[in-house]
Amino acid sequence: MYFFAPPTYWNEMKTIQTEGSEKGTGKERVESWKAGWRMFLDHPIIGVGALNFGVWFAEYFPERSHMMWGRVAHSLYFTLIPEMGIIGTLFSVGCFTVTVKIIFTFINSAGEKINFLKELI
């Protein structure tokens, strides 16, 4: 991406340093995170539903609601937690943990099989 990104992308990325969290996209992100946290506090058990952050955003920031339809909070945490609630977040973390364990088990067993084959040769 580094080599193929247009100059407009890099100009936008520079605003992270110049604007901070007080204006521009930095402020929008902080507002999104605050909305996500408030959504979670209002719907802690099952959340507002997958992919519904943008839909519910209007209830927390009505003046910016037109900009958020179909968008996310630009943070895995502040998107997953309000959309999925405690139950969905724990389920997602559990699925991720099991997947990582399976991958490491596969890698370890593949290494043992390779060593076994080397001994045969």
PDB file of N, CA and C in Angstrom:
ATOM      1  N   MET A   1       0.823  -1.181   0.000  1.00  0.00           N
ATOM      2  CA  MET A   1       0.000   0.000   0.000  1.00  0.00           C
ATOM      3  C   MET A   1       0.872   1.251   0.000  1.00  0.00           C
ATOM      4  N   TYR A   2       1.987   1.185   0.652  1.00  0.00           N
ATOM      5  CA  TYR A   2       2.870   2.341   0.764  1.00  0.00           C
ATOM      6  C   TYR A   2       3.212   2.916  -0.605  1.00  0.00           C
ATOM      7  N   PHE A   3       3.514   2.050  -1.558  1.00  0.00           N
ATOM      8  CA  PHE A   3       3.935   2.497  -2.882  1.00  0.00           C
ATOM      9  C   PHE A   3       2.775   2.900  -3.782  1.00  0.00           C
ATOM     10  N   PHE A   4       1.598   2.385  -3.522  1.00  0.00           N
ATOM     11  CA  PHE A   4       0.463   2.602  -4.413  1.00  0.00           C
ATOM     12  C   PHE A   4      -0.534   3.640  -3.921  1.00  0.00           C
ATOM     13  N   ALA A   5      -0.368   4.121  -2.701  1.00  0.00           N
ATOM     14  CA  ALA A   5      -1.323   5.090  -2.152  1.00  0.00           C
ATOM     15  C   ALA A   5      -1.170   6.437  -2.852  1.00  0.00           C
ATOM     16  N   PRO A   6      -2.288   7.059  -3.211  1.00  0.00           N
ATOM     17  CA  PRO A   6      -2.216   8.369  -3.884  1.00  0.00           C
ATOM     18  C   PRO A   6      -1.829   9.467  -2.888  1.00  0.00           C
ATOM     19  N   PRO A   7      -1.374  10.596  -3.374  1.00  0.00           N
ATOM     20  CA  PRO A   7      -0.988  11.706  -2.487  1.00  0.00           C
ATOM     21  C   PRO A   7      -2.118  12.158  -1.563  1.00  0.00           C
ATOM     22  N   THR A   8      -3.362  12.062  -2.027  1.00  0.00           N
ATOM     23  CA  THR A   8      -4.480  12.480  -1.174  1.00  0.00           C
ATOM     24  C   THR A   8      -4.547  11.637   0.097  1.00  0.00           C
ATOM     25  N   TYR A   9      -4.190  10.349  -0.024  1.00  0.00           N
ATOM     26  CA  TYR A   9      -4.177   9.471   1.154  1.00  0.00           C
ATOM     27  C   TYR A   9      -3.156   9.974   2.174  1.00  0.00           C
ATOM     28  N   TRP A  10      -1.958  10.287   1.694  1.00  0.00           N
ATOM     29  CA  TRP A  10      -0.898  10.725   2.600  1.00  0.00           C
ATOM     30  C   TRP A  10      -1.224  12.079   3.217  1.00  0.00           C
ATOM     31  N   ASN A  11      -1.880  12.953   2.472  1.00  0.00           N
ATOM     32  CA  ASN A  11      -2.308  14.237   3.037  1.00  0.00           C
ATOM     33  C   ASN A  11      -3.310  14.015   4.164  1.00  0.00           C
ATOM     34  N   GLU A  12      -4.213  13.069   3.974  1.00  0.00           N
ATOM     35  CA  GLU A  12      -5.196  12.742   5.007  1.00  0.00           C
ATOM     36  C   GLU A  12      -4.504  12.152   6.240  1.00  0.00           C
ATOM     37  N   MET A  13      -3.507  11.309   6.034  1.00  0.00           N
ATOM     38  CA  MET A  13      -2.798  10.687   7.154  1.00  0.00           C
ATOM     39  C   MET A  13      -2.010  11.715   7.963  1.00  0.00           C
ATOM     40  N   LYS A  14      -1.529  12.763   7.325  1.00  0.00           N
ATOM     41  CA  LYS A  14      -0.784  13.818   8.034  1.00  0.00           C
ATOM     42  C   LYS A  14      -1.675  14.561   9.022  1.00  0.00           C
ATOM     43  N   THR A  15      -2.984  14.570   8.778  1.00  0.00           N
ATOM     44  CA  THR A  15      -3.884  15.276   9.681  1.00  0.00           C
ATOM     45  C   THR A  15      -3.940  14.622  11.053  1.00  0.00           C
ATOM     46  N   ILE A  16      -3.517  13.361  11.150  1.00  0.00           N
ATOM     47  CA  ILE A  16      -3.489  12.695  12.457  1.00  0.00           C
ATOM     48  C   ILE A  16      -2.580  13.452  13.401  1.00  0.00           C
ATOM     49  N   GLN A  17      -1.441  13.891  12.895  1.00  0.00           N
ATOM     50  CA  GLN A  17      -0.474  14.607  13.734  1.00  0.00           C
ATOM     51  C   GLN A  17      -0.848  16.069  13.921  1.00  0.00           C
ATOM     52  N   THR A  18      -1.385  16.699  12.883  1.00  0.00           N
ATOM     53  CA  THR A  18      -1.649  18.129  12.969  1.00  0.00           C
ATOM     54  C   THR A  18      -2.969  18.462  13.664  1.00  0.00           C
ATOM     55  N   GLU A  19      -3.980  17.622  13.511  1.00  0.00           N
ATOM     56  CA  GLU A  19      -5.289  17.925  14.093  1.00  0.00           C
ATOM     57  C   GLU A  19      -5.463  17.351  15.490  1.00  0.00           C
ATOM     58  N   GLY A  20      -4.848  16.227  15.765  1.00  0.00           N
ATOM     59  CA  GLY A  20      -5.025  15.589  17.061  1.00  0.00           C
ATOM     60  C   GLY A  20      -6.452  15.120  17.258  1.00  0.00           C
ATOM     61  N   SER A  21      -6.935  15.178  18.483  1.00  0.00           N
ATOM     62  CA  SER A  21      -8.292  14.713  18.773  1.00  0.00           C
ATOM     63  C   SER A  21      -9.263  15.868  18.990  1.00  0.00           C
ATOM     64  N   GLU A  22      -8.830  17.081  18.689  1.00  0.00           N
ATOM     65  CA  GLU A  22      -9.670  18.244  18.935  1.00  0.00           C
ATOM     66  C   GLU A  22     -10.483  18.691  17.723  1.00  0.00           C
ATOM     67  N   LYS A  23     -10.057  18.266  16.504  1.00  0.00           N
ATOM     68  CA  LYS A  23     -10.786  18.681  15.308  1.00  0.00           C
ATOM     69  C   LYS A  23     -10.564  17.652  14.208  1.00  0.00           C
ATOM     70  N   GLY A  24     -11.337  17.771  13.146  1.00  0.00           N
ATOM     71  CA  GLY A  24     -11.172  16.905  11.982  1.00  0.00           C
ATOM     72  C   GLY A  24     -11.456  15.441  12.268  1.00  0.00           C
ATOM     73  N   THR A  25     -10.712  14.568  11.583  1.00  0.00           N
ATOM     74  CA  THR A  25     -10.955  13.131  11.701  1.00  0.00           C
ATOM     75  C   THR A  25     -10.620  12.593  13.090  1.00  0.00           C
ATOM     76  N   GLY A  26      -9.661  13.224  13.765  1.00  0.00           N
ATOM     77  CA  GLY A  26      -9.339  12.798  15.131  1.00  0.00           C
ATOM     78  C   GLY A  26     -10.524  12.996  16.064  1.00  0.00           C
ATOM     79  N   LYS A  27     -11.171  14.135  15.939  1.00  0.00           N
ATOM     80  CA  LYS A  27     -12.353  14.416  16.757  1.00  0.00           C
ATOM     81  C   LYS A  27     -13.479  13.439  16.421  1.00  0.00           C
ATOM     82  N   GLU A  28     -13.641  13.152  15.117  1.00  0.00           N
ATOM     83  CA  GLU A  28     -14.684  12.212  14.700  1.00  0.00           C
ATOM     84  C   GLU A  28     -14.456  10.828  15.302  1.00  0.00           C
ATOM     85  N   ARG A  29     -13.213  10.406  15.354  1.00  0.00           N
ATOM     86  CA  ARG A  29     -12.907   9.096  15.942  1.00  0.00           C
ATOM     87  C   ARG A  29     -13.235   9.070  17.424  1.00  0.00           C
ATOM     88  N   VAL A  30     -12.829  10.111  18.135  1.00  0.00           N
ATOM     89  CA  VAL A  30     -13.118  10.160  19.574  1.00  0.00           C
ATOM     90  C   VAL A  30     -14.626  10.171  19.808  1.00  0.00           C
ATOM     91  N   GLU A  31     -15.373  10.924  18.997  1.00  0.00           N
ATOM     92  CA  GLU A  31     -16.838  10.934  19.122  1.00  0.00           C
ATOM     93  C   GLU A  31     -17.410   9.539  18.861  1.00  0.00           C
ATOM     94  N   SER A  32     -16.853   8.856  17.867  1.00  0.00           N
ATOM     95  CA  SER A  32     -17.312   7.497  17.549  1.00  0.00           C
ATOM     96  C   SER A  32     -17.040   6.555  18.716  1.00  0.00           C
ATOM     97  N   TRP A  33     -15.870   6.680  19.319  1.00  0.00           N
ATOM     98  CA  TRP A  33     -15.524   5.803  20.446  1.00  0.00           C
ATOM     99  C   TRP A  33     -16.430   6.079  21.640  1.00  0.00           C
ATOM    100  N   LYS A  34     -16.695   7.354  21.890  1.00  0.00           N
ATOM    101  CA  LYS A  34     -17.603   7.703  22.997  1.00  0.00           C
ATOM    102  C   LYS A  34     -19.001   7.149  22.748  1.00  0.00           C
ATOM    103  N   ALA A  35     -19.471   7.276  21.498  1.00  0.00           N
ATOM    104  CA  ALA A  35     -20.786   6.736  21.146  1.00  0.00           C
ATOM    105  C   ALA A  35     -20.799   5.227  21.331  1.00  0.00           C
ATOM    106  N   GLY A  36     -19.738   4.558  20.910  1.00  0.00           N
ATOM    107  CA  GLY A  36     -19.644   3.106  21.077  1.00  0.00           C
ATOM    108  C   GLY A  36     -19.708   2.694  22.536  1.00  0.00           C
ATOM    109  N   TRP A  37     -18.999   3.419  23.381  1.00  0.00           N
ATOM    110  CA  TRP A  37     -19.011   3.084  24.807  1.00  0.00           C
ATOM    111  C   TRP A  37     -20.402   3.304  25.398  1.00  0.00           C
ATOM    112  N   ARG A  38     -21.047   4.405  25.012  1.00  0.00           N
ATOM    113  CA  ARG A  38     -22.400   4.657  25.518  1.00  0.00           C
ATOM    114  C   ARG A  38     -23.391   3.623  24.995  1.00  0.00           C
ATOM    115  N   MET A  39     -23.220   3.187  23.744  1.00  0.00           N
ATOM    116  CA  MET A  39     -24.072   2.116  23.209  1.00  0.00           C
ATOM    117  C   MET A  39     -23.923   0.864  24.049  1.00  0.00           C
ATOM    118  N   PHE A  40     -22.669   0.520  24.366  1.00  0.00           N
ATOM    119  CA  PHE A  40     -22.422  -0.666  25.178  1.00  0.00           C
ATOM    120  C   PHE A  40     -23.081  -0.530  26.554  1.00  0.00           C
ATOM    121  N   LEU A  41     -22.939   0.620  27.174  1.00  0.00           N
ATOM    122  CA  LEU A  41     -23.539   0.823  28.499  1.00  0.00           C
ATOM    123  C   LEU A  41     -25.065   0.720  28.442  1.00  0.00           C
ATOM    124  N   ASP A  42     -25.657   1.156  27.339  1.00  0.00           N
ATOM    125  CA  ASP A  42     -27.112   1.073  27.185  1.00  0.00           C
ATOM    126  C   ASP A  42     -27.592  -0.331  26.806  1.00  0.00           C
ATOM    127  N   HIS A  43     -26.737  -1.134  26.172  1.00  0.00           N
ATOM    128  CA  HIS A  43     -27.089  -2.480  25.705  1.00  0.00           C
ATOM    129  C   HIS A  43     -25.952  -3.456  26.034  1.00  0.00           C
ATOM    130  N   PRO A  44     -25.672  -3.667  27.319  1.00  0.00           N
ATOM    131  CA  PRO A  44     -24.471  -4.424  27.689  1.00  0.00           C
ATOM    132  C   PRO A  44     -24.524  -5.933  27.427  1.00  0.00           C
ATOM    133  N   ILE A  45     -25.675  -6.532  27.449  1.00  0.00           N
ATOM    134  CA  ILE A  45     -25.745  -7.994  27.363  1.00  0.00           C
ATOM    135  C   ILE A  45     -25.615  -8.496  25.936  1.00  0.00           C
ATOM    136  N   ILE A  46     -26.487  -8.042  25.039  1.00  0.00           N
ATOM    137  CA  ILE A  46     -26.433  -8.551  23.657  1.00  0.00           C
ATOM    138  C   ILE A  46     -26.070  -7.480  22.635  1.00  0.00           C
ATOM    139  N   GLY A  47     -25.821  -6.258  23.060  1.00  0.00           N
ATOM    140  CA  GLY A  47     -25.408  -5.197  22.156  1.00  0.00           C
ATOM    141  C   GLY A  47     -26.530  -4.716  21.247  1.00  0.00           C
ATOM    142  N   VAL A  48     -26.139  -3.939  20.243  1.00  0.00           N
ATOM    143  CA  VAL A  48     -27.122  -3.372  19.310  1.00  0.00           C
ATOM    144  C   VAL A  48     -27.240  -4.204  18.038  1.00  0.00           C
ATOM    145  N   GLY A  49     -26.437  -5.235  17.907  1.00  0.00           N
ATOM    146  CA  GLY A  49     -26.500  -6.116  16.741  1.00  0.00           C
ATOM    147  C   GLY A  49     -25.327  -5.895  15.798  1.00  0.00           C
ATOM    148  N   ALA A  50     -24.912  -6.963  15.187  1.00  0.00           N
ATOM    149  CA  ALA A  50     -23.774  -6.906  14.266  1.00  0.00           C
ATOM    150  C   ALA A  50     -24.042  -5.922  13.130  1.00  0.00           C
ATOM    151  N   LEU A  51     -23.042  -5.134  12.824  1.00  0.00           N
ATOM    152  CA  LEU A  51     -23.082  -4.134  11.749  1.00  0.00           C
ATOM    153  C   LEU A  51     -24.110  -3.032  11.990  1.00  0.00           C
ATOM    154  N   ASN A  52     -24.525  -2.834  13.230  1.00  0.00           N
ATOM    155  CA  ASN A  52     -25.521  -1.806  13.537  1.00  0.00           C
ATOM    156  C   ASN A  52     -24.947  -0.574  14.229  1.00  0.00           C
ATOM    157  N   PHE A  53     -23.627  -0.473  14.322  1.00  0.00           N
ATOM    158  CA  PHE A  53     -23.033   0.703  14.957  1.00  0.00           C
ATOM    159  C   PHE A  53     -23.488   1.976  14.257  1.00  0.00           C
ATOM    160  N   GLY A  54     -23.366   2.005  12.935  1.00  0.00           N
ATOM    161  CA  GLY A  54     -23.751   3.195  12.173  1.00  0.00           C
ATOM    162  C   GLY A  54     -25.217   3.535  12.288  1.00  0.00           C
ATOM    163  N   VAL A  55     -26.046   2.519  12.400  1.00  0.00           N
ATOM    164  CA  VAL A  55     -27.489   2.738  12.521  1.00  0.00           C
ATOM    165  C   VAL A  55     -27.817   3.402  13.861  1.00  0.00           C
ATOM    166  N   TRP A  56     -27.207   2.907  14.924  1.00  0.00           N
ATOM    167  CA  TRP A  56     -27.480   3.426  16.263  1.00  0.00           C
ATOM    168  C   TRP A  56     -26.733   4.726  16.555  1.00  0.00           C
ATOM    169  N   PHE A  57     -25.717   5.022  15.785  1.00  0.00           N
ATOM    170  CA  PHE A  57     -24.910   6.222  16.032  1.00  0.00           C
ATOM    171  C   PHE A  57     -25.769   7.478  16.094  1.00  0.00           C
ATOM    172  N   ALA A  58     -26.826   7.526  15.284  1.00  0.00           N
ATOM    173  CA  ALA A  58     -27.705   8.699  15.235  1.00  0.00           C
ATOM    174  C   ALA A  58     -28.327   9.018  16.593  1.00  0.00           C
ATOM    175  N   GLU A  59     -28.521   8.012  17.422  1.00  0.00           N
ATOM    176  CA  GLU A  59     -29.115   8.257  18.744  1.00  0.00           C
ATOM    177  C   GLU A  59     -28.135   8.915  19.700  1.00  0.00           C
ATOM    178  N   TYR A  60     -26.854   8.802  19.415  1.00  0.00           N
ATOM    179  CA  TYR A  60     -25.835   9.331  20.313  1.00  0.00           C
ATOM    180  C   TYR A  60     -25.207  10.616  19.803  1.00  0.00           C
ATOM    181  N   PHE A  61     -25.180  10.809  18.502  1.00  0.00           N
ATOM    182  CA  PHE A  61     -24.698  12.035  17.887  1.00  0.00           C
ATOM    183  C   PHE A  61     -25.592  12.376  16.697  1.00  0.00           C
ATOM    184  N   PRO A  62     -26.789  12.911  16.950  1.00  0.00           N
ATOM    185  CA  PRO A  62     -27.732  13.197  15.864  1.00  0.00           C
ATOM    186  C   PRO A  62     -27.173  14.145  14.800  1.00  0.00           C
ATOM    187  N   GLU A  63     -26.346  15.096  15.221  1.00  0.00           N
ATOM    188  CA  GLU A  63     -25.810  16.066  14.266  1.00  0.00           C
ATOM    189  C   GLU A  63     -24.813  15.447  13.281  1.00  0.00           C
ATOM    190  N   ARG A  64     -24.295  14.269  13.578  1.00  0.00           N
ATOM    191  CA  ARG A  64     -23.336  13.610  12.692  1.00  0.00           C
ATOM    192  C   ARG A  64     -23.891  12.310  12.106  1.00  0.00           C
ATOM    193  N   SER A  65     -25.144  12.031  12.355  1.00  0.00           N
ATOM    194  CA  SER A  65     -25.706  10.737  11.966  1.00  0.00           C
ATOM    195  C   SER A  65     -25.656  10.492  10.464  1.00  0.00           C
ATOM    196  N   HIS A  66     -25.761  11.522   9.660  1.00  0.00           N
ATOM    197  CA  HIS A  66     -25.747  11.349   8.204  1.00  0.00           C
ATOM    198  C   HIS A  66     -24.404  10.828   7.695  1.00  0.00           C
ATOM    199  N   MET A  67     -23.361  10.983   8.491  1.00  0.00           N
ATOM    200  CA  MET A  67     -22.029  10.564   8.058  1.00  0.00           C
ATOM    201  C   MET A  67     -21.693   9.132   8.461  1.00  0.00           C
ATOM    202  N   MET A  68     -22.480   8.516   9.317  1.00  0.00           N
ATOM    203  CA  MET A  68     -22.072   7.245   9.907  1.00  0.00           C
ATOM    204  C   MET A  68     -22.849   6.034   9.417  1.00  0.00           C
ATOM    205  N   TRP A  69     -23.858   6.208   8.596  1.00  0.00           N
ATOM    206  CA  TRP A  69     -24.651   5.063   8.174  1.00  0.00           C
ATOM    207  C   TRP A  69     -23.758   4.034   7.484  1.00  0.00           C
ATOM    208  N   GLY A  70     -23.742   2.827   8.010  1.00  0.00           N
ATOM    209  CA  GLY A  70     -22.942   1.755   7.428  1.00  0.00           C
ATOM    210  C   GLY A  70     -21.476   1.807   7.786  1.00  0.00           C
ATOM    211  N   ARG A  71     -21.085   2.672   8.673  1.00  0.00           N
ATOM    212  CA  ARG A  71     -19.678   2.790   9.038  1.00  0.00           C
ATOM    213  C   ARG A  71     -19.431   2.179  10.412  1.00  0.00           C
ATOM    214  N   VAL A  72     -18.174   2.138  10.789  1.00  0.00           N
ATOM    215  CA  VAL A  72     -17.778   1.568  12.078  1.00  0.00           C
ATOM    216  C   VAL A  72     -17.082   2.637  12.903  1.00  0.00           C
ATOM    217  N   ALA A  73     -16.683   2.272  14.117  1.00  0.00           N
ATOM    218  CA  ALA A  73     -16.088   3.229  15.044  1.00  0.00           C
ATOM    219  C   ALA A  73     -14.587   3.427  14.839  1.00  0.00           C
ATOM    220  N   HIS A  74     -14.000   2.815  13.832  1.00  0.00           N
ATOM    221  CA  HIS A  74     -12.552   2.886  13.601  1.00  0.00           C
ATOM    222  C   HIS A  74     -11.769   2.360  14.787  1.00  0.00           C
ATOM    223  N   SER A  75     -12.331   1.385  15.457  1.00  0.00           N
ATOM    224  CA  SER A  75     -11.685   0.715  16.574  1.00  0.00           C
ATOM    225  C   SER A  75     -12.359  -0.642  16.732  1.00  0.00           C
ATOM    226  N   LEU A  76     -11.572  -1.684  16.723  1.00  0.00           N
ATOM    227  CA  LEU A  76     -12.143  -3.018  16.903  1.00  0.00           C
ATOM    228  C   LEU A  76     -12.916  -3.099  18.211  1.00  0.00           C
ATOM    229  N   TYR A  77     -12.346  -2.557  19.254  1.00  0.00           N
ATOM    230  CA  TYR A  77     -12.980  -2.633  20.574  1.00  0.00           C
ATOM    231  C   TYR A  77     -14.302  -1.875  20.610  1.00  0.00           C
ATOM    232  N   PHE A  78     -14.289  -0.631  20.107  1.00  0.00           N
ATOM    233  CA  PHE A  78     -15.489   0.194  20.179  1.00  0.00           C
ATOM    234  C   PHE A  78     -16.481  -0.112  19.070  1.00  0.00           C
ATOM    235  N   THR A  79     -16.178  -1.089  18.236  1.00  0.00           N
ATOM    236  CA  THR A  79     -17.161  -1.610  17.290  1.00  0.00           C
ATOM    237  C   THR A  79     -17.708  -2.934  17.802  1.00  0.00           C
ATOM    238  N   LEU A  80     -16.828  -3.846  18.179  1.00  0.00           N
ATOM    239  CA  LEU A  80     -17.234  -5.183  18.624  1.00  0.00           C
ATOM    240  C   LEU A  80     -18.062  -5.141  19.909  1.00  0.00           C
ATOM    241  N   ILE A  81     -17.595  -4.430  20.899  1.00  0.00           N
ATOM    242  CA  ILE A  81     -18.262  -4.435  22.208  1.00  0.00           C
ATOM    243  C   ILE A  81     -19.689  -3.864  22.132  1.00  0.00           C
ATOM    244  N   PRO A  82     -19.905  -2.678  21.536  1.00  0.00           N
ATOM    245  CA  PRO A  82     -21.301  -2.201  21.499  1.00  0.00           C
ATOM    246  C   PRO A  82     -22.199  -3.009  20.559  1.00  0.00           C
ATOM    247  N   GLU A  83     -21.639  -3.544  19.469  1.00  0.00           N
ATOM    248  CA  GLU A  83     -22.476  -4.308  18.547  1.00  0.00           C
ATOM    249  C   GLU A  83     -22.817  -5.683  19.094  1.00  0.00           C
ATOM    250  N   MET A  84     -21.903  -6.328  19.771  1.00  0.00           N
ATOM    251  CA  MET A  84     -22.105  -7.710  20.200  1.00  0.00           C
ATOM    252  C   MET A  84     -22.413  -7.862  21.691  1.00  0.00           C
ATOM    253  N   GLY A  85     -22.187  -6.833  22.484  1.00  0.00           N
ATOM    254  CA  GLY A  85     -22.430  -6.935  23.914  1.00  0.00           C
ATOM    255  C   GLY A  85     -21.447  -7.897  24.575  1.00  0.00           C
ATOM    256  N   ILE A  86     -21.688  -8.177  25.830  1.00  0.00           N
ATOM    257  CA  ILE A  86     -20.797  -9.065  26.584  1.00  0.00           C
ATOM    258  C   ILE A  86     -20.838 -10.478  26.012  1.00  0.00           C
ATOM    259  N   ILE A  87     -22.016 -10.975  25.729  1.00  0.00           N
ATOM    260  CA  ILE A  87     -22.142 -12.355  25.235  1.00  0.00           C
ATOM    261  C   ILE A  87     -21.423 -12.526  23.902  1.00  0.00           C
ATOM    262  N   GLY A  88     -21.699 -11.673  22.945  1.00  0.00           N
ATOM    263  CA  GLY A  88     -21.073 -11.786  21.635  1.00  0.00           C
ATOM    264  C   GLY A  88     -19.574 -11.553  21.675  1.00  0.00           C
ATOM    265  N   THR A  89     -19.136 -10.621  22.526  1.00  0.00           N
ATOM    266  CA  THR A  89     -17.701 -10.354  22.647  1.00  0.00           C
ATOM    267  C   THR A  89     -16.982 -11.557  23.226  1.00  0.00           C
ATOM    268  N   LEU A  90     -17.545 -12.160  24.269  1.00  0.00           N
ATOM    269  CA  LEU A  90     -16.925 -13.361  24.843  1.00  0.00           C
ATOM    270  C   LEU A  90     -16.908 -14.502  23.826  1.00  0.00           C
ATOM    271  N   PHE A  91     -17.976 -14.646  23.063  1.00  0.00           N
ATOM    272  CA  PHE A  91     -18.024 -15.670  22.032  1.00  0.00           C
ATOM    273  C   PHE A  91     -16.943 -15.418  20.976  1.00  0.00           C
ATOM    274  N   SER A  92     -16.798 -14.168  20.537  1.00  0.00           N
ATOM    275  CA  SER A  92     -15.789 -13.823  19.538  1.00  0.00           C
ATOM    276  C   SER A  92     -14.375 -14.079  20.054  1.00  0.00           C
ATOM    277  N   VAL A  93     -14.130 -13.691  21.287  1.00  0.00           N
ATOM    278  CA  VAL A  93     -12.816 -13.931  21.889  1.00  0.00           C
ATOM    279  C   VAL A  93     -12.566 -15.435  22.008  1.00  0.00           C
ATOM    280  N   GLY A  94     -13.593 -16.188  22.378  1.00  0.00           N
ATOM    281  CA  GLY A  94     -13.461 -17.643  22.465  1.00  0.00           C
ATOM    282  C   GLY A  94     -13.152 -18.267  21.116  1.00  0.00           C
ATOM    283  N   CYS A  95     -13.847 -17.827  20.075  1.00  0.00           N
ATOM    284  CA  CYS A  95     -13.577 -18.348  18.720  1.00  0.00           C
ATOM    285  C   CYS A  95     -12.158 -18.027  18.289  1.00  0.00           C
ATOM    286  N   PHE A  96     -11.721 -16.810  18.552  1.00  0.00           N
ATOM    287  CA  PHE A  96     -10.356 -16.413  18.200  1.00  0.00           C
ATOM    288  C   PHE A  96      -9.338 -17.263  18.958  1.00  0.00           C
ATOM    289  N   THR A  97      -9.565 -17.468  20.255  1.00  0.00           N
ATOM    290  CA  THR A  97      -8.651 -18.264  21.076  1.00  0.00           C
ATOM    291  C   THR A  97      -8.567 -19.696  20.574  1.00  0.00           C
ATOM    292  N   VAL A  98      -9.703 -20.303  20.288  1.00  0.00           N
ATOM    293  CA  VAL A  98      -9.717 -21.682  19.772  1.00  0.00           C
ATOM    294  C   VAL A  98      -8.996 -21.761  18.433  1.00  0.00           C
ATOM    295  N   THR A  99      -9.222 -20.796  17.574  1.00  0.00           N
ATOM    296  CA  THR A  99      -8.559 -20.787  16.266  1.00  0.00           C
ATOM    297  C   THR A  99      -7.047 -20.702  16.421  1.00  0.00           C
ATOM    298  N   VAL A 100      -6.588 -19.832  17.290  1.00  0.00           N
ATOM    299  CA  VAL A 100      -5.141 -19.707  17.521  1.00  0.00           C
ATOM    300  C   VAL A 100      -4.573 -21.008  18.071  1.00  0.00           C
ATOM    301  N   LYS A 101      -5.268 -21.635  19.001  1.00  0.00           N
ATOM    302  CA  LYS A 101      -4.799 -22.914  19.544  1.00  0.00           C
ATOM    303  C   LYS A 101      -4.720 -23.986  18.463  1.00  0.00           C
ATOM    304  N   ILE A 102      -5.715 -24.034  17.597  1.00  0.00           N
ATOM    305  CA  ILE A 102      -5.715 -25.017  16.505  1.00  0.00           C
ATOM    306  C   ILE A 102      -4.537 -24.767  15.567  1.00  0.00           C
ATOM    307  N   ILE A 103      -4.295 -23.523  15.255  1.00  0.00           N
ATOM    308  CA  ILE A 103      -3.172 -23.191  14.364  1.00  0.00           C
ATOM    309  C   ILE A 103      -1.852 -23.618  14.991  1.00  0.00           C
ATOM    310  N   PHE A 104      -1.643 -23.300  16.261  1.00  0.00           N
ATOM    311  CA  PHE A 104      -0.394 -23.688  16.911  1.00  0.00           C
ATOM    312  C   PHE A 104      -0.267 -25.196  17.049  1.00  0.00           C
ATOM    313  N   THR A 105      -1.376 -25.879  17.294  1.00  0.00           N
ATOM    314  CA  THR A 105      -1.347 -27.346  17.351  1.00  0.00           C
ATOM    315  C   THR A 105      -0.958 -27.912  15.990  1.00  0.00           C
ATOM    316  N   PHE A 106      -1.526 -27.362  14.942  1.00  0.00           N
ATOM    317  CA  PHE A 106      -1.203 -27.808  13.594  1.00  0.00           C
ATOM    318  C   PHE A 106       0.270 -27.561  13.275  1.00  0.00           C
ATOM    319  N   ILE A 107       0.772 -26.390  13.634  1.00  0.00           N
ATOM    320  CA  ILE A 107       2.176 -26.066  13.378  1.00  0.00           C
ATOM    321  C   ILE A 107       3.093 -27.016  14.136  1.00  0.00           C
ATOM    322  N   ASN A 108       2.778 -27.266  15.397  1.00  0.00           N
ATOM    323  CA  ASN A 108       3.599 -28.175  16.197  1.00  0.00           C
ATOM    324  C   ASN A 108       3.562 -29.591  15.653  1.00  0.00           C
ATOM    325  N   SER A 109       2.378 -30.070  15.262  1.00  0.00           N
ATOM    326  CA  SER A 109       2.295 -31.438  14.743  1.00  0.00           C
ATOM    327  C   SER A 109       2.965 -31.534  13.379  1.00  0.00           C
ATOM    328  N   ALA A 110       2.889 -30.485  12.577  1.00  0.00           N
ATOM    329  CA  ALA A 110       3.571 -30.498  11.279  1.00  0.00           C
ATOM    330  C   ALA A 110       5.075 -30.553  11.486  1.00  0.00           C
ATOM    331  N   GLY A 111       5.570 -29.835  12.486  1.00  0.00           N
ATOM    332  CA  GLY A 111       7.001 -29.875  12.791  1.00  0.00           C
ATOM    333  C   GLY A 111       7.446 -31.252  13.221  1.00  0.00           C
ATOM    334  N   GLU A 112       6.634 -31.935  14.031  1.00  0.00           N
ATOM    335  CA  GLU A 112       6.963 -33.297  14.461  1.00  0.00           C
ATOM    336  C   GLU A 112       6.970 -34.262  13.277  1.00  0.00           C
ATOM    337  N   LYS A 113       6.017 -34.109  12.360  1.00  0.00           N
ATOM    338  CA  LYS A 113       5.964 -34.977  11.185  1.00  0.00           C
ATOM    339  C   LYS A 113       7.177 -34.760  10.288  1.00  0.00           C
ATOM    340  N   ILE A 114       7.584 -33.513  10.148  1.00  0.00           N
ATOM    341  CA  ILE A 114       8.762 -33.222   9.331  1.00  0.00           C
ATOM    342  C   ILE A 114      10.001 -33.842   9.967  1.00  0.00           C
ATOM    343  N   ASN A 115      10.114 -33.719  11.288  1.00  0.00           N
ATOM    344  CA  ASN A 115      11.262 -34.331  11.981  1.00  0.00           C
ATOM    345  C   ASN A 115      11.241 -35.843  11.829  1.00  0.00           C
ATOM    346  N   PHE A 116      10.065 -36.453  11.902  1.00  0.00           N
ATOM    347  CA  PHE A 116       9.932 -37.913  11.736  1.00  0.00           C
ATOM    348  C   PHE A 116      10.404 -38.321  10.347  1.00  0.00           C
ATOM    349  N   LEU A 117       9.983 -37.540   9.323  1.00  0.00           N
ATOM    350  CA  LEU A 117      10.394 -37.849   7.956  1.00  0.00           C
ATOM    351  C   LEU A 117      11.897 -37.691   7.766  1.00  0.00           C
ATOM    352  N   LYS A 118      12.474 -36.680   8.399  1.00  0.00           N
ATOM    353  CA  LYS A 118      13.931 -36.486   8.316  1.00  0.00           C
ATOM    354  C   LYS A 118      14.675 -37.674   8.911  1.00  0.00           C
ATOM    355  N   GLU A 119      14.147 -38.213  10.005  1.00  0.00           N
ATOM    356  CA  GLU A 119      14.788 -39.375  10.635  1.00  0.00           C
ATOM    357  C   GLU A 119      14.717 -40.608   9.743  1.00  0.00           C
ATOM    358  N   LEU A 120      13.636 -40.724   8.966  1.00  0.00           N
ATOM    359  CA  LEU A 120      13.515 -41.857   8.070  1.00  0.00           C
ATOM    360  C   LEU A 120      14.523 -41.789   6.933  1.00  0.00           C
ATOM    361  N   ILE A 121      14.855 -40.618   6.521  1.00  0.00           N
ATOM    362  CA  ILE A 121      15.788 -40.459   5.391  1.00  0.00           C
ATOM    363  C   ILE A 121      17.159 -40.556   5.922  1.00  0.00           C
TER     364      ILE A 121
END
